[in-house]
Protein backbone atom coordinates (compact mmCIF):
# COMPACT_ATOMS: atom_id res chain seq x y z
CA MET A 1 217.61 95.93 150.59
CA SER A 2 215.15 98.31 148.96
CA LEU A 3 213.18 101.31 150.11
CA HIS A 4 209.55 100.76 150.97
CA GLN A 5 206.65 103.15 150.61
CA ALA A 6 206.20 105.20 153.77
CA ARG A 7 203.03 104.32 155.63
CA PRO A 8 200.77 107.08 156.98
CA GLU A 9 202.06 106.53 160.52
CA HIS A 10 205.62 107.07 159.27
CA GLU A 11 204.62 110.45 157.87
CA VAL A 12 202.85 111.38 161.13
CA LEU A 13 205.98 110.51 163.14
CA TYR A 14 208.21 112.42 160.72
CA THR A 15 206.00 115.52 160.92
CA GLU A 16 205.93 115.40 164.72
CA LEU A 17 209.72 114.94 164.90
CA VAL A 18 210.25 117.95 162.61
CA GLU A 19 207.96 120.03 164.82
CA LEU A 20 209.83 118.91 167.96
CA VAL A 21 213.25 119.62 166.43
CA THR A 22 212.06 123.02 165.22
CA ARG A 23 210.87 123.97 168.72
CA HIS A 24 214.19 123.09 170.35
CA THR A 25 216.81 124.17 167.82
CA ALA A 26 216.24 127.88 167.24
CA ASN A 27 219.63 128.72 168.76
CA MET A 28 221.57 125.82 167.23
CA SER A 29 223.55 125.67 164.02
CA LYS A 30 222.59 123.20 161.31
CA ILE A 31 225.86 121.38 162.06
CA GLU A 32 224.84 120.95 165.70
CA ILE A 33 221.44 119.63 164.67
CA LEU A 34 223.09 117.19 162.24
CA ALA A 35 225.44 115.98 164.98
CA ILE A 36 222.54 115.38 167.38
CA ALA A 37 220.57 113.49 164.72
CA ALA A 38 223.62 111.36 163.85
CA ASN A 39 224.17 110.58 167.53
CA MET A 40 220.56 109.48 167.82
CA ILE A 41 220.89 107.25 164.75
CA GLY A 42 224.00 105.66 166.28
CA LYS A 43 222.07 104.89 169.44
CA LEU A 44 219.15 103.47 167.46
CA ILE A 45 221.54 101.17 165.59
CA ALA A 46 223.06 100.00 168.88
CA MET A 47 219.59 99.16 170.21
CA GLN A 48 218.78 96.76 167.34
CA ASP A 49 218.49 93.05 168.02
CA GLN A 50 221.77 91.68 166.66
CA ARG A 51 220.07 88.32 166.05
CA VAL A 52 217.73 90.01 163.56
CA ILE A 53 219.75 92.82 162.01
CA THR A 54 223.50 93.18 161.69
CA SER A 55 225.32 96.50 161.92
CA GLU A 56 225.90 96.30 158.16
CA MET A 57 222.18 95.84 157.51
CA ALA A 58 221.35 98.77 159.80
CA LEU A 59 223.89 101.00 158.06
CA GLU A 60 222.46 100.03 154.67
CA ILE A 61 219.01 101.13 155.87
CA VAL A 62 220.49 104.41 157.11
CA ILE A 63 222.36 105.06 153.86
CA LYS A 64 219.35 104.33 151.64
CA ASN A 65 217.12 106.58 153.74
CA LEU A 66 219.73 109.36 153.84
CA GLU A 67 219.84 109.25 150.05
CA GLU A 68 216.03 109.26 149.80
CA GLY A 69 215.69 112.12 152.28
CA ASN A 70 218.28 114.10 150.35
CA ARG A 71 216.42 113.42 147.09
CA GLN A 72 213.12 114.52 148.65
CA ALA A 73 214.66 117.72 150.06
CA LEU A 74 216.21 118.62 146.70
CA GLU A 75 212.92 117.91 144.94
CA ALA A 76 211.09 120.17 147.39
CA LEU A 77 213.61 122.95 146.76
CA GLU A 78 213.17 122.62 143.01
CA ASN A 79 209.39 122.89 143.39
CA THR A 80 209.64 126.18 145.31
CA LYS A 81 211.44 128.15 142.59
CA GLY A 82 209.63 131.32 141.70
CA GLU A 83 207.60 131.42 144.90
CA ALA A 84 207.89 134.22 147.44
């Protein structure tokens, strides 16, 4: 399974989710936010049609996208060096 280019609607959803999380997590630790996100991912996996996608396939999608998100975050941090 390979990563696919994000479509514009994916980016819109991502941006709106970040805004929503930001509004509701001012008094939460990063660990709490991670736990909530992981719980949500678990529920999304459980809601998949088992005739179409196995748990292993779903976890592979999660792992690949975790790695990509981590890469993107690190790249963004590298690009902010020297800025105030």
